[in-house]
N, C-alpha and C. Protein backbone atom coordinates (compact mmCIF):
# COMPACT_ATOMS: atom_id res chain seq x y z
N HIS A 1 -55.55 -90.56 -65.03
CA HIS A 1 -53.93 -90.71 -65.22
C HIS A 1 -53.24 -89.38 -65.70
N GLY A 2 -54.38 -88.77 -66.61
CA GLY A 2 -53.91 -87.59 -67.12
C GLY A 2 -53.79 -86.46 -66.34
N GLU A 3 -54.73 -86.67 -65.09
CA GLU A 3 -54.65 -85.60 -64.00
C GLU A 3 -53.39 -85.71 -63.49
N TYR A 4 -53.01 -86.53 -63.10
CA TYR A 4 -51.91 -87.09 -62.34
C TYR A 4 -50.57 -86.41 -62.95
N GLU A 5 -50.74 -86.86 -64.11
CA GLU A 5 -49.54 -86.47 -65.28
C GLU A 5 -49.53 -84.75 -65.27
N GLU A 6 -50.58 -84.27 -65.29
CA GLU A 6 -50.86 -82.75 -65.24
C GLU A 6 -50.52 -82.17 -63.93
N GLN A 7 -50.73 -82.68 -62.75
CA GLN A 7 -50.21 -82.36 -61.40
C GLN A 7 -48.80 -82.54 -61.21
N LEU A 8 -47.95 -83.48 -61.94
CA LEU A 8 -46.52 -83.65 -61.95
C LEU A 8 -45.84 -82.69 -62.59
N GLN A 9 -46.49 -82.26 -63.71
CA GLN A 9 -46.04 -81.26 -64.45
C GLN A 9 -45.54 -79.76 -64.10
N ARG A 10 -47.15 -79.83 -63.36
CA ARG A 10 -47.14 -78.42 -62.30
C ARG A 10 -46.39 -78.57 -61.41
N ILE A 11 -45.63 -79.31 -60.63
CA ILE A 11 -45.08 -79.25 -59.31
C ILE A 11 -43.50 -79.53 -59.91
N ARG A 12 -43.48 -80.11 -60.83
CA ARG A 12 -41.83 -80.09 -61.57
C ARG A 12 -41.54 -78.56 -61.97
N ALA A 13 -42.91 -77.74 -62.59
CA ALA A 13 -42.51 -76.46 -62.74
C ALA A 13 -42.19 -75.64 -61.94
N GLU A 14 -42.94 -75.82 -60.87
CA GLU A 14 -42.86 -74.80 -59.36
C GLU A 14 -41.32 -75.19 -58.91
N VAL A 15 -40.85 -76.47 -58.82
CA VAL A 15 -40.12 -77.18 -58.16
C VAL A 15 -38.63 -76.33 -59.30
N LYS A 16 -38.96 -75.95 -60.27
CA LYS A 16 -38.00 -75.87 -61.36
C LYS A 16 -37.93 -73.92 -61.29
N GLN A 17 -39.03 -73.29 -61.06
CA GLN A 17 -38.80 -71.89 -60.76
C GLN A 17 -38.41 -71.66 -59.40
N SER A 18 -38.28 -72.45 -58.27
CA SER A 18 -38.04 -72.41 -56.83
C SER A 18 -36.63 -72.55 -57.12
N MET A 19 -36.37 -73.53 -57.83
CA MET A 19 -34.46 -73.86 -58.09
C MET A 19 -34.11 -72.94 -58.53
N ALA A 20 -34.84 -72.05 -59.73
CA ALA A 20 -34.41 -70.86 -60.30
C ALA A 20 -34.03 -69.75 -59.51
N SER A 21 -34.90 -69.38 -58.60
CA SER A 21 -35.44 -68.43 -57.59
C SER A 21 -34.21 -68.49 -56.74
N LEU A 22 -34.10 -69.66 -55.89
CA LEU A 22 -33.02 -69.96 -55.12
C LEU A 22 -31.50 -69.74 -55.54
N GLN A 23 -31.41 -70.16 -56.84
CA GLN A 23 -29.95 -70.23 -57.61
C GLN A 23 -29.91 -68.54 -57.90
N ALA A 24 -30.93 -67.49 -58.25
CA ALA A 24 -30.57 -66.66 -58.33
C ALA A 24 -30.33 -65.60 -56.86
N LYS A 25 -31.33 -66.05 -55.94
CA LYS A 25 -30.87 -65.30 -54.48
C LYS A 25 -29.40 -65.66 -54.34
N ASN A 26 -28.93 -67.08 -54.56
CA ASN A 26 -27.47 -67.37 -54.29
C ASN A 26 -26.48 -66.79 -55.12
N ASP A 27 -26.94 -66.48 -56.17
CA ASP A 27 -25.82 -65.33 -57.16
C ASP A 27 -25.63 -64.50 -56.46
N LYS A 28 -26.84 -63.97 -56.00
CA LYS A 28 -26.88 -62.31 -55.72
C LYS A 28 -26.13 -62.44 -54.13
N LEU A 29 -26.00 -63.28 -53.43
CA LEU A 29 -25.33 -63.57 -52.06
C LEU A 29 -23.95 -63.58 -52.43
N VAL A 30 -23.51 -64.40 -53.28
CA VAL A 30 -22.19 -64.68 -53.58
C VAL A 30 -21.59 -63.63 -54.28
N GLN A 31 -22.29 -62.72 -54.99
CA GLN A 31 -22.02 -61.46 -55.28
C GLN A 31 -21.70 -60.31 -54.38
N GLN A 32 -22.85 -60.29 -53.30
CA GLN A 32 -22.37 -59.28 -52.26
C GLN A 32 -21.28 -59.90 -51.59
N LEU A 33 -21.11 -60.96 -51.62
CA LEU A 33 -20.17 -61.44 -50.52
C LEU A 33 -18.55 -61.00 -50.87
N ALA A 34 -18.71 -61.19 -52.25
CA ALA A 34 -17.57 -61.02 -53.19
C ALA A 34 -17.15 -59.59 -53.04
N ASP A 35 -18.28 -58.86 -53.08
CA ASP A 35 -18.21 -57.08 -53.01
C ASP A 35 -17.73 -56.88 -51.66
N LYS A 36 -17.69 -57.26 -50.73
CA LYS A 36 -17.81 -57.37 -49.02
C LYS A 36 -16.38 -57.56 -48.92
N GLU A 37 -15.79 -58.96 -49.71
CA GLU A 37 -14.55 -59.10 -49.14
C GLU A 37 -13.69 -57.91 -49.95
N GLU A 38 -13.91 -57.88 -51.46
CA GLU A 38 -13.35 -56.62 -52.00
C GLU A 38 -12.96 -55.20 -51.19
N GLN A 39 -14.10 -55.02 -50.69
CA GLN A 39 -14.30 -53.64 -49.86
C GLN A 39 -13.16 -53.74 -48.56
N TYR A 40 -13.37 -55.11 -48.03
CA TYR A 40 -12.50 -55.67 -46.62
C TYR A 40 -10.95 -55.74 -47.12
N ARG A 41 -10.59 -56.02 -48.17
CA ARG A 41 -9.30 -56.22 -48.70
C ARG A 41 -8.80 -54.83 -48.92
N PHE A 42 -9.77 -53.88 -49.96
CA PHE A 42 -9.37 -52.37 -49.91
C PHE A 42 -9.07 -51.82 -48.81
N ALA A 43 -10.28 -52.02 -47.83
CA ALA A 43 -9.63 -51.26 -46.45
C ALA A 43 -8.62 -51.40 -45.93
N CYS A 44 -8.51 -53.25 -45.83
CA CYS A 44 -7.13 -53.49 -44.84
C CYS A 44 -5.72 -52.76 -45.64
N ALA A 45 -5.85 -52.68 -47.18
CA ALA A 45 -4.70 -52.05 -47.90
C ALA A 45 -4.49 -50.80 -47.33
N GLN A 46 -5.62 -49.99 -47.38
CA GLN A 46 -5.34 -48.51 -46.92
C GLN A 46 -5.07 -48.34 -45.56
N ARG A 47 -5.66 -49.46 -44.60
CA ARG A 47 -4.94 -49.44 -43.01
C ARG A 47 -3.49 -49.51 -43.55
N ASP A 48 -2.92 -50.45 -44.07
CA ASP A 48 -1.50 -50.79 -44.36
C ASP A 48 -0.75 -49.63 -44.69
N LYS A 49 -1.45 -48.94 -45.62
CA LYS A 49 -0.72 -47.92 -46.23
C LYS A 49 -0.68 -46.66 -45.38
N SER A 50 -1.99 -46.08 -44.34
CA SER A 50 -1.48 -45.26 -43.40
C SER A 50 -0.94 -45.98 -42.36
N GLU A 51 -0.82 -47.06 -41.74
CA GLU A 51 0.32 -47.49 -40.92
C GLU A 51 1.84 -47.05 -41.47
N GLN A 52 2.05 -47.31 -42.65
CA GLN A 52 3.70 -47.04 -43.46
C GLN A 52 3.70 -45.76 -43.29
N GLU A 53 2.47 -45.01 -43.66
CA GLU A 53 2.89 -43.37 -44.06
C GLU A 53 3.21 -42.78 -42.45
N MET A 54 2.20 -43.56 -41.36
CA MET A 54 2.51 -43.08 -39.77
C MET A 54 3.92 -43.42 -39.56
N GLN A 55 4.42 -44.45 -40.09
CA GLN A 55 5.77 -44.60 -39.21
C GLN A 55 6.92 -44.02 -39.97
N VAL A 56 6.77 -43.19 -41.51
CA VAL A 56 7.44 -42.84 -42.17
C VAL A 56 7.40 -41.52 -41.53
N GLN A 57 6.20 -40.93 -41.07
CA GLN A 57 6.36 -39.50 -40.16
C GLN A 57 7.08 -39.57 -39.05
N ARG A 58 6.74 -40.63 -37.97
CA ARG A 58 7.20 -40.87 -37.07
C ARG A 58 8.78 -41.06 -37.14
N LYS A 59 9.29 -41.69 -38.13
CA LYS A 59 10.74 -41.80 -37.98
C LYS A 59 11.37 -40.18 -38.42
N GLU A 60 10.40 -39.66 -39.31
CA GLU A 60 11.18 -38.27 -39.57
C GLU A 60 11.08 -37.16 -38.78
N VAL A 61 9.74 -37.41 -37.48
CA VAL A 61 10.05 -36.67 -36.25
C VAL A 61 11.14 -37.10 -35.27
N GLU A 62 11.26 -38.38 -35.51
CA GLU A 62 12.68 -38.64 -34.48
C GLU A 62 13.83 -38.30 -34.91
N ILE A 63 14.20 -38.17 -36.09
CA ILE A 63 15.32 -37.61 -36.98
C ILE A 63 15.14 -36.08 -36.55
N LYS A 64 14.23 -35.37 -36.89
CA LYS A 64 14.10 -34.05 -36.33
C LYS A 64 14.63 -33.80 -35.13
N ILE A 65 14.04 -34.54 -33.94
CA ILE A 65 14.31 -34.27 -32.60
C ILE A 65 15.67 -34.68 -32.35
N THR A 66 16.06 -35.72 -33.11
CA THR A 66 17.85 -36.17 -32.98
C THR A 66 18.58 -34.87 -33.31
N GLN A 67 18.16 -34.06 -34.78
CA GLN A 67 18.77 -33.13 -35.07
C GLN A 67 19.06 -32.12 -34.30
N MET A 68 17.50 -31.85 -33.65
CA MET A 68 17.15 -30.24 -32.69
C MET A 68 18.15 -30.75 -31.59
N LYS A 69 18.12 -31.97 -31.08
CA LYS A 69 19.17 -32.15 -29.52
C LYS A 69 20.55 -31.57 -30.22
N ALA A 70 21.07 -32.30 -31.13
CA ALA A 70 22.31 -31.81 -31.74
C ALA A 70 22.65 -30.59 -31.47
N VAL A 71 21.91 -29.78 -32.20
CA VAL A 71 22.09 -28.30 -32.02
C VAL A 71 22.17 -27.79 -30.92
N LEU A 72 21.22 -28.17 -30.20
CA LEU A 72 20.95 -27.80 -28.91
C LEU A 72 22.15 -28.00 -27.67
N GLY A 73 22.53 -29.03 -28.27
CA GLY A 73 24.16 -30.01 -27.26
C GLY A 73 25.22 -29.08 -27.87
N ALA A 74 25.32 -28.87 -29.66
CA ALA A 74 26.30 -27.81 -29.49
C ALA A 74 26.34 -26.40 -29.16
N LYS A 75 25.11 -26.00 -28.85
CA LYS A 75 24.86 -24.75 -28.48
C LYS A 75 25.44 -24.38 -27.25
N ASP A 76 24.81 -25.54 -26.38
CA ASP A 76 25.39 -26.16 -24.87
C ASP A 76 26.85 -26.05 -24.67
N ASP A 77 27.56 -26.92 -25.42
CA ASP A 77 28.74 -26.95 -25.82
C ASP A 77 29.91 -25.56 -25.79
N MET A 78 29.12 -24.91 -26.70
CA MET A 78 29.71 -23.90 -27.42
C MET A 78 29.68 -22.54 -26.05
N GLU A 79 28.14 -22.75 -25.21
CA GLU A 79 28.09 -21.71 -23.89
C GLU A 79 29.32 -22.23 -23.13
N ALA A 80 29.34 -23.42 -22.94
CA ALA A 80 30.31 -23.85 -21.98
C ALA A 80 31.73 -23.52 -22.03
N HIS A 81 31.99 -23.63 -23.42
CA HIS A 81 33.25 -23.01 -23.84
C HIS A 81 33.80 -21.71 -23.79
N LYS A 82 32.64 -21.21 -24.06
CA LYS A 82 32.69 -19.46 -23.80
C LYS A 82 32.86 -19.39 -22.28
N ASN A 83 31.97 -19.87 -21.67
CA ASN A 83 32.28 -19.57 -20.28
C ASN A 83 33.63 -19.82 -19.44
N LEU A 84 34.08 -21.06 -20.01
CA LEU A 84 35.53 -21.66 -19.81
C LEU A 84 36.52 -20.19 -20.16
N LEU A 85 36.07 -20.02 -21.40
CA LEU A 85 37.09 -18.50 -21.90
C LEU A 85 36.86 -17.71 -21.00
N ARG A 86 35.95 -17.29 -20.77
CA ARG A 86 35.75 -16.12 -19.94
C ARG A 86 36.41 -16.02 -18.96
N ALA A 87 36.46 -17.40 -17.99
CA ALA A 87 36.95 -17.57 -16.62
C ALA A 87 38.36 -17.59 -16.44
N ASP A 88 38.81 -18.27 -17.93
CA ASP A 88 40.21 -17.87 -18.30
C ASP A 88 40.72 -16.57 -18.53
N LEU A 89 39.97 -15.69 -19.19
CA LEU A 89 40.18 -14.57 -19.40
C LEU A 89 40.15 -13.67 -18.15
N GLU A 90 39.27 -13.95 -17.40
CA GLU A 90 39.31 -13.16 -15.98
C GLU A 90 40.53 -13.48 -15.21
N ARG A 91 40.73 -14.84 -15.38
CA ARG A 91 42.24 -15.07 -14.34
C ARG A 91 43.24 -14.51 -15.17
N LYS A 92 43.56 -14.50 -16.28
CA LYS A 92 44.62 -13.60 -16.88
C LYS A 92 44.40 -12.60 -16.75
N THR A 93 43.35 -11.64 -16.81
CA THR A 93 43.24 -10.09 -16.33
C THR A 93 43.90 -9.96 -15.04
N GLY A 94 43.43 -11.20 -14.26
CA GLY A 94 43.76 -10.62 -12.68
C GLY A 94 45.36 -11.04 -12.46
N GLU A 95 45.79 -11.56 -13.29
CA GLU A 95 47.57 -11.85 -13.32
C GLU A 95 48.30 -10.56 -13.68
N VAL A 96 47.46 -10.27 -14.99
CA VAL A 96 47.96 -8.87 -15.14
C VAL A 96 47.90 -7.38 -14.42
N GLU A 97 47.24 -7.47 -13.60
CA GLU A 97 46.84 -6.83 -12.55
C GLU A 97 47.67 -7.07 -11.67
N GLU A 98 48.03 -7.64 -11.24
CA GLU A 98 49.19 -8.28 -9.94
C GLU A 98 50.61 -8.30 -10.54
N LEU A 99 50.63 -8.29 -11.91
CA LEU A 99 51.99 -8.08 -12.70
C LEU A 99 52.09 -6.34 -12.43
N LYS A 100 51.44 -5.89 -12.86
CA LYS A 100 50.96 -4.34 -13.17
C LYS A 100 51.68 -3.69 -11.68
N ALA A 101 50.66 -4.49 -10.54
CA ALA A 101 50.66 -3.94 -9.11
C ALA A 101 52.51 -4.28 -8.56
N MET A 102 53.08 -5.26 -9.18
CA MET A 102 54.32 -5.66 -8.74
C MET A 102 55.43 -4.83 -9.24
N ARG A 103 55.06 -4.35 -10.44
CA ARG A 103 56.13 -3.43 -11.66
C ARG A 103 55.85 -2.24 -10.53
N GLU A 104 54.59 -1.61 -10.51
CA GLU A 104 54.62 -0.49 -10.02
C GLU A 104 55.46 -0.34 -8.35
N GLN A 105 55.00 -1.80 -7.51
CA GLN A 105 55.81 -1.72 -6.65
C GLN A 105 57.46 -1.41 -6.43
N LEU A 106 57.81 -2.27 -7.47
CA LEU A 106 59.48 -2.50 -7.96
C LEU A 106 59.89 -0.90 -8.38
N ALA A 107 59.18 -0.51 -9.10
CA ALA A 107 59.41 1.05 -9.65
C ALA A 107 59.64 2.15 -8.03
N THR A 108 58.40 1.82 -7.34
CA THR A 108 58.43 2.78 -6.37
C THR A 108 59.98 2.47 -5.40
N GLU A 109 60.02 1.12 -5.17
CA GLU A 109 61.16 0.54 -4.44
C GLU A 109 62.52 1.09 -5.22
N LYS A 110 62.39 0.90 -6.42
CA LYS A 110 63.91 1.30 -7.13
C LYS A 110 63.91 3.14 -6.75
N GLN A 111 62.72 3.74 -6.86
CA GLN A 111 62.69 5.33 -6.57
C GLN A 111 62.87 5.77 -5.25
N GLU A 112 62.70 5.16 -4.53
CA GLU A 112 63.00 5.28 -3.04
C GLU A 112 64.88 4.80 -2.36
N ARG A 113 64.95 3.76 -3.20
CA ARG A 113 66.40 3.48 -3.25
C ARG A 113 67.41 4.56 -3.55
N ARG A 114 66.85 5.04 -4.64
CA ARG A 114 67.98 6.28 -5.20
C ARG A 114 67.71 7.66 -4.57
């Protein structure tokens, strides 16, 4: 009877030790999982931050491109305006030359009549 009681005590102690060991392993796994979750949350936050920074940089580049297009457009407009003025000047110069020629013709005719 005492031997049976002793065996039962030993089994209870082994079960208790096994349970403590399992509990320790479980605690360790739970902690590892919590650490992994924290790492994952941190990585996600970093990714979100990187995506936001990239969006900001993309917007900045789009703005710079728009500004450059505006500058180039203004330059093209100025060039076109300059070309119109040049053509107008050439036309007026041609008209002035015609007027001078007409004036000389009239002066010559006047001279010839005298």
